[in-house]
Protein backbone atom coordinates (compact mmCIF):
# COMPACT_ATOMS: atom_id res chain seq x y z
CA MET A 1 22.07 9.90 -1.09
CA ILE A 2 23.99 11.62 1.69
CA VAL A 3 27.60 12.61 1.08
CA ALA A 4 29.88 13.99 3.80
CA GLU A 5 33.21 15.33 2.59
CA GLY A 6 35.88 16.44 5.06
CA LEU A 7 33.35 17.42 7.72
CA THR A 8 35.06 19.15 10.64
CA LYS A 9 33.45 20.83 13.64
CA HIS A 10 35.15 22.75 16.43
CA TYR A 11 33.35 23.98 19.54
CA GLY A 12 35.91 26.42 20.86
CA LYS A 13 39.03 24.36 21.49
CA SER A 14 37.10 21.09 21.40
CA LEU A 15 37.22 19.08 18.17
CA ALA A 16 33.92 17.21 17.80
CA VAL A 17 34.24 15.98 14.21
CA ASP A 18 37.55 15.65 12.40
CA HIS A 19 37.70 15.57 8.57
CA LEU A 20 34.93 13.00 8.33
CA SER A 21 34.00 11.66 4.89
CA PHE A 22 31.46 8.97 3.98
CA GLU A 23 28.50 8.19 1.73
CA VAL A 24 25.05 6.83 2.58
CA SER A 25 23.41 5.13 -0.37
CA ALA A 26 19.75 4.48 -1.12
CA GLY A 27 18.11 1.10 -0.83
CA VAL A 28 19.71 -0.13 2.40
CA VAL A 29 19.61 0.80 6.07
CA THR A 30 22.96 2.32 7.03
CA GLY A 31 23.78 2.18 10.73
CA PHE A 32 25.78 5.04 12.26
CA LEU A 33 27.79 3.71 15.19
CA GLY A 34 30.32 5.15 17.61
CA PRO A 35 31.01 5.40 21.33
CA ASN A 36 29.43 8.17 23.39
CA GLY A 37 30.99 11.50 22.45
CA SER A 38 32.20 10.23 19.07
CA GLY A 39 30.41 12.97 17.09
CA LYS A 40 27.38 11.10 15.72
CA SER A 41 24.74 13.64 16.73
CA THR A 42 26.94 16.56 15.69
CA THR A 43 27.42 14.97 12.27
CA MET A 44 23.69 14.50 11.82
CA ARG A 45 23.04 18.08 12.87
CA MET A 46 25.51 19.30 10.25
CA ILE A 47 23.78 17.22 7.57
CA MET A 48 20.48 18.82 8.57
CA GLY A 49 21.95 22.35 8.58
CA LEU A 50 21.40 22.80 12.32
CA ASP A 51 25.13 23.20 12.94
CA ASN A 52 27.50 24.80 10.47
CA PRO A 53 30.68 22.81 9.85
CA THR A 54 33.96 24.53 10.58
CA SER A 55 35.07 23.07 7.25
CA GLY A 56 33.90 20.45 4.78
CA THR A 57 30.47 19.82 3.29
CA ALA A 58 27.41 17.68 3.88
CA LEU A 59 25.17 17.21 0.86
CA VAL A 60 21.75 15.61 0.46
CA ASN A 61 21.08 14.59 -3.12
CA GLY A 62 23.86 16.93 -4.20
CA LYS A 63 22.64 20.00 -2.25
CA ARG A 64 23.13 21.53 1.15
CA TYR A 65 20.05 21.23 3.32
CA ALA A 66 19.55 25.02 3.27
CA GLU A 67 19.33 24.91 -0.54
CA LEU A 68 16.38 22.49 -0.63
CA ALA A 69 13.19 24.17 -1.84
CA TRP A 70 10.82 21.97 0.19
CA PRO A 71 12.96 20.36 2.91
CA LEU A 72 10.37 18.08 4.48
CA ARG A 73 9.54 16.59 1.10
CA GLU A 74 13.18 15.63 0.47
CA VAL A 75 14.63 14.93 3.93
CA GLY A 76 12.92 13.64 7.05
CA ALA A 77 14.70 13.50 10.37
CA LEU A 78 14.24 12.48 13.97
CA LEU A 79 17.06 14.10 15.91
CA ASP A 80 15.16 15.09 19.05
CA ALA A 81 12.03 13.15 19.97
CA ARG A 82 10.78 16.06 22.11
CA ALA A 83 11.00 18.69 19.35
CA TYR A 84 7.34 19.71 19.60
CA HIS A 85 5.26 22.17 21.61
CA PRO A 86 3.90 20.27 24.62
CA ALA A 87 0.60 22.19 24.59
CA ARG A 88 -0.23 21.13 21.03
CA SER A 89 -1.73 17.80 20.16
CA GLY A 90 0.19 15.37 18.01
CA TYR A 91 -2.22 16.13 15.18
CA GLU A 92 -1.74 19.89 15.49
CA HIS A 93 2.04 19.52 15.54
CA LEU A 94 2.00 17.59 12.29
CA ALA A 95 -0.64 19.82 10.71
CA TYR A 96 1.43 22.98 11.28
CA LEU A 97 4.47 21.32 9.72
CA ALA A 98 2.43 20.09 6.77
CA ALA A 99 1.08 23.58 6.10
CA SER A 100 4.60 25.06 6.19
CA ASN A 101 5.75 22.74 3.41
CA ASP A 102 2.52 22.63 1.36
CA ILE A 103 1.85 19.01 2.30
CA ALA A 104 -1.72 17.77 2.02
CA ARG A 105 -3.59 17.57 5.35
CA ALA A 106 -4.56 13.98 4.51
CA ARG A 107 -0.91 13.01 4.92
CA VAL A 108 -1.14 13.85 8.63
CA ASP A 109 -3.72 11.10 9.14
CA GLU A 110 -1.63 8.70 7.08
CA VAL A 111 1.55 9.07 9.15
CA LEU A 112 -0.36 8.99 12.43
CA ASP A 113 -1.77 5.64 11.33
CA ILE A 114 1.68 4.39 10.26
CA VAL A 115 3.17 5.08 13.69
CA GLY A 116 0.12 3.91 15.66
CA LEU A 117 -0.89 7.24 17.21
CA THR A 118 -4.34 7.67 15.64
CA ASP A 119 -6.19 7.03 18.90
CA VAL A 120 -4.18 9.67 20.80
CA ALA A 121 -3.69 12.13 17.94
CA HIS A 122 -5.75 14.86 19.60
CA GLN A 123 -4.22 14.54 23.06
CA ARG A 124 -1.65 17.09 24.20
CA ALA A 125 1.77 15.90 23.09
CA GLY A 126 3.22 17.03 26.41
CA LYS A 127 1.35 14.15 28.03
CA TYR A 128 2.84 11.56 25.70
CA SER A 129 5.13 8.87 27.10
CA LEU A 130 8.71 8.65 25.85
CA GLY A 131 7.74 5.90 23.43
CA MET A 132 4.78 7.89 22.10
CA GLY A 133 7.05 10.90 21.67
CA GLN A 134 9.43 8.73 19.63
CA ARG A 135 6.54 7.64 17.42
CA LEU A 136 5.49 11.25 16.89
CA GLY A 137 9.07 12.10 15.94
CA ILE A 138 9.08 9.26 13.40
CA ALA A 139 5.75 10.52 12.03
CA THR A 140 7.30 13.96 11.63
CA ALA A 141 10.20 12.48 9.66
CA LEU A 142 7.78 10.63 7.37
CA LEU A 143 5.38 13.54 6.90
CA GLY A 144 6.71 14.80 3.56
CA ASP A 145 7.16 11.26 2.17
CA PRO A 146 10.89 12.06 1.69
CA GLY A 147 13.46 9.96 -0.10
CA VAL A 148 16.14 10.60 2.54
CA LEU A 149 15.62 9.82 6.22
CA LEU A 150 17.84 10.35 9.28
CA PHE A 151 17.05 8.88 12.68
CA ASP A 152 19.10 9.53 15.82
CA GLU A 153 18.39 6.80 18.41
CA PRO A 154 14.85 6.14 17.08
CA ILE A 155 14.03 3.21 19.37
CA ASN A 156 14.76 4.92 22.69
CA GLY A 157 11.74 4.47 24.92
CA LEU A 158 10.03 1.88 22.72
CA ASP A 159 8.85 -1.40 24.19
CA PRO A 160 9.83 -4.72 22.58
CA GLU A 161 6.83 -4.63 20.23
CA GLY A 162 7.71 -1.06 19.29
CA ILE A 163 11.35 -1.97 18.64
CA ARG A 164 10.32 -4.75 16.28
CA TRP A 165 7.88 -2.40 14.54
CA ALA A 166 10.58 0.26 14.12
CA ARG A 167 13.02 -2.31 12.76
CA GLN A 168 10.51 -3.49 10.16
CA LEU A 169 9.60 0.11 9.28
CA LEU A 170 13.22 1.13 8.67
CA ARG A 171 13.94 -1.91 6.54
CA GLY A 172 10.71 -1.38 4.63
CA LEU A 173 11.58 2.25 3.90
CA ALA A 174 14.98 1.21 2.56
CA ALA A 175 13.36 -1.52 0.44
CA GLN A 176 11.32 1.25 -1.22
CA GLY A 177 14.59 2.76 -2.45
CA ARG A 178 14.97 5.45 0.19
CA THR A 179 18.19 6.52 1.89
CA VAL A 180 17.92 5.50 5.57
CA PHE A 181 20.65 6.62 8.01
CA VAL A 182 20.21 5.47 11.62
CA SER A 183 22.34 6.03 14.69
CA SER A 184 21.96 3.81 17.73
CA HIS A 185 23.87 2.72 20.81
CA LEU A 186 22.06 -0.64 20.75
CA ILE A 187 24.65 -2.54 18.73
CA ASN A 188 22.86 -5.86 18.57
CA GLU A 189 19.69 -4.15 17.35
CA MET A 190 21.70 -2.58 14.54
CA ALA A 191 22.89 -6.05 13.62
CA LEU A 192 19.24 -6.95 12.96
CA THR A 193 18.35 -3.71 11.19
CA ALA A 194 21.28 -2.35 9.18
CA GLU A 195 23.07 -3.74 6.15
CA GLN A 196 25.76 -1.07 5.87
CA LEU A 197 27.73 0.71 8.60
CA VAL A 198 29.51 3.99 9.14
CA VAL A 199 31.56 3.68 12.35
CA ILE A 200 33.31 6.66 13.92
CA GLY A 201 35.36 7.33 17.03
CA ARG A 202 36.54 10.67 18.39
CA GLY A 203 35.07 12.34 15.31
CA THR A 204 37.07 10.34 12.76
CA LEU A 205 36.07 7.49 10.47
CA ILE A 206 36.88 3.98 11.71
CA ALA A 207 35.02 1.94 9.12
CA GLU A 208 32.62 2.30 6.21
CA THR A 209 31.53 -1.18 5.22
CA SER A 210 28.82 -3.83 5.37
CA VAL A 211 27.75 -5.38 8.66
CA SER A 212 29.11 -8.78 7.62
CA GLU A 213 32.48 -7.40 6.54
CA PHE A 214 32.84 -5.35 9.71
CA THR A 215 32.04 -8.35 11.87
CA SER A 216 34.53 -10.53 10.01
CA GLN A 217 37.29 -7.99 10.72
CA SER A 218 37.04 -8.57 14.45
CA GLY A 219 39.24 -11.64 14.33
CA LEU A 220 36.81 -13.44 16.61
CA ASP A 221 35.95 -16.30 14.23
CA ALA A 222 35.95 -19.70 15.89
CA VAL A 223 34.65 -23.21 15.29
CA ARG A 224 32.49 -25.24 17.67
CA LEU A 225 32.66 -29.02 17.54
CA VAL A 226 31.17 -31.89 19.47
CA THR A 227 32.89 -35.28 19.57
CA PRO A 228 32.81 -38.37 21.82
CA THR A 229 36.63 -38.35 21.85
CA THR A 230 37.18 -34.92 23.35
CA ASP A 231 40.64 -35.44 24.85
CA ARG A 232 42.09 -36.98 21.70
CA PHE A 233 40.58 -34.27 19.50
CA VAL A 234 41.91 -31.50 21.78
CA THR A 235 45.41 -32.96 21.53
CA ALA A 236 45.16 -33.16 17.74
CA LEU A 237 43.94 -29.58 17.51
CA HIS A 238 46.80 -28.36 19.69
CA ASP A 239 49.26 -30.24 17.50
CA ALA A 240 47.74 -28.54 14.42
CA GLY A 241 48.30 -25.10 15.96
CA ALA A 242 44.78 -24.28 17.12
CA ALA A 243 43.84 -22.55 20.36
CA VAL A 244 41.29 -24.73 22.14
CA GLN A 245 38.76 -24.27 24.90
CA VAL A 246 36.51 -27.02 26.28
CA GLU A 247 33.10 -25.66 27.33
CA GLU A 248 31.05 -26.83 30.32
CA ASP A 249 28.79 -28.88 28.06
CA GLY A 250 31.81 -30.78 26.68
CA SER A 251 31.87 -29.04 23.31
CA ILE A 252 35.17 -27.70 21.95
CA VAL A 253 35.66 -24.16 20.68
CA ALA A 254 38.76 -23.82 18.52
CA THR A 255 40.38 -20.81 16.87
CA GLY A 256 43.21 -20.75 14.38
CA LEU A 257 41.75 -23.38 12.07
CA THR A 258 38.75 -23.18 9.76
CA ALA A 259 35.79 -25.57 9.91
CA VAL A 260 37.04 -27.14 6.67
CA GLU A 261 40.50 -27.73 8.13
CA ILE A 262 39.06 -29.25 11.30
CA GLY A 263 36.78 -31.50 9.24
CA GLU A 264 39.75 -32.73 7.24
CA LEU A 265 41.69 -33.31 10.46
CA ALA A 266 38.83 -35.43 11.79
CA ALA A 267 38.74 -37.45 8.57
CA ASP A 268 42.51 -38.04 8.63
CA ARG A 269 42.47 -39.18 12.28
CA LEU A 270 39.18 -41.11 11.94
CA PHE A 271 37.63 -39.01 14.71
CA THR A 272 33.84 -39.05 15.08
CA LEU A 273 32.14 -35.65 14.82
CA HIS A 274 28.61 -35.03 16.05
CA GLU A 275 28.69 -31.32 15.29
CA LEU A 276 30.98 -28.92 13.42
CA SER A 277 29.84 -25.30 13.09
CA PRO A 278 31.65 -22.02 12.46
CA LEU A 279 31.15 -19.31 15.11
CA ARG A 280 31.48 -15.71 14.11
CA GLY A 281 31.93 -12.86 16.52
CA SER A 282 28.88 -10.64 16.95
CA LEU A 283 28.61 -7.07 15.72
CA GLU A 284 28.93 -6.01 19.36
CA ASP A 285 32.20 -7.93 19.68
CA ALA A 286 33.56 -6.32 16.52
CA PHE A 287 32.40 -2.87 17.59
CA MET A 288 34.04 -3.14 21.01
CA GLU A 289 37.29 -4.32 19.49
CA MET A 290 37.41 -1.73 16.69
CA THR A 291 36.45 1.25 18.88
CA HIS A 292 38.48 0.29 21.96
CA ASP A 293 40.88 3.22 21.60
CA ALA A 294 38.10 5.72 20.87
CA VAL A 295 36.06 5.28 24.05
CA GLU A 296 35.73 8.55 25.93
CA PHE A 297 34.63 7.09 29.29
CA ARG A 298 36.22 3.77 30.15
CA THR A 299 34.99 1.67 33.07
CA HIS A 300 36.73 -1.07 35.00
CA VAL A 301 35.41 -3.91 37.11
CA ALA A 302 37.26 -4.10 40.40
CA ALA A 303 37.76 -7.41 42.19
CA GLY A 304 34.99 -8.09 44.69
CA VAL A 305 32.71 -5.33 43.38
CA GLY A 306 29.21 -6.50 42.50
CA THR A 307 26.76 -5.07 39.99
CA ALA A 308 23.89 -4.26 42.32
CA ALA A 309 22.07 -0.98 41.68
CA GLY A 310 23.48 1.81 43.76
CA SER A 311 27.00 0.43 43.88
CA PRO A 312 29.53 3.22 43.61
CA GLY A 313 31.23 3.57 40.24
CA PRO A 314 34.86 4.26 39.50
CA ASN A 315 36.22 7.65 40.47
């Protein structure tokens, strides 16, 4: 388990993390979300003892990271995928770390196989692609077979096959009863990977909840229905207080009434329904809505401005 209590970090006059408290439990993947500059990486660095908090505490299994007797055996982390000497091979990098924490050399071969780097294990790590560097970083986190794992943007540089592999790996580690804490800016990928969320903005806690509960808070729930009597159904929905939009394919999307209420309305009016399905806002929708006021760099789309590469951005 990871417990942050009142974590605060100042860099001079800049406040990066502001009295942040949360818990990360074992057995589930917990996603760590926030806009750029929200303090995610700083928070992870404080958990790992790389930055000292101005105030507050970050504990791993009830201890500060610096108090752990064999750190790699208790906590594994990928905070910087390029945290290795470029002249060493991937195997040598892992072997040195294993020796420093009295980890059996056989474990090096095991984690190289887990991350798919066996064939390039003896090549210089400095020649690795970004995706291969990410895999080596994941291997480093797994080296001590720890019960607590932190990953900061672990799928950067991975191809689609690699992203799916990483997703399955993270969920598998959590299923083994480990604590898995993952930050990512790919919101929809987190929707497929995480079960719990810690969401921050400008260094403060916005939400600590499950993915489903967070999504339901967005207020974006709607109902899609298909009927051969579109105009009559739209009028009835308006009369019942729903907001209605007719899509290009002729389907109706209504908000303000539940699917049950719309079904009862159809039964009362003897309207034919070919389809009636609830629509729930995505995790991305909920994230954008909940963090709207915490975005550090806000962009705007000007009228007549296209999206072609090289187009000038806002000043």
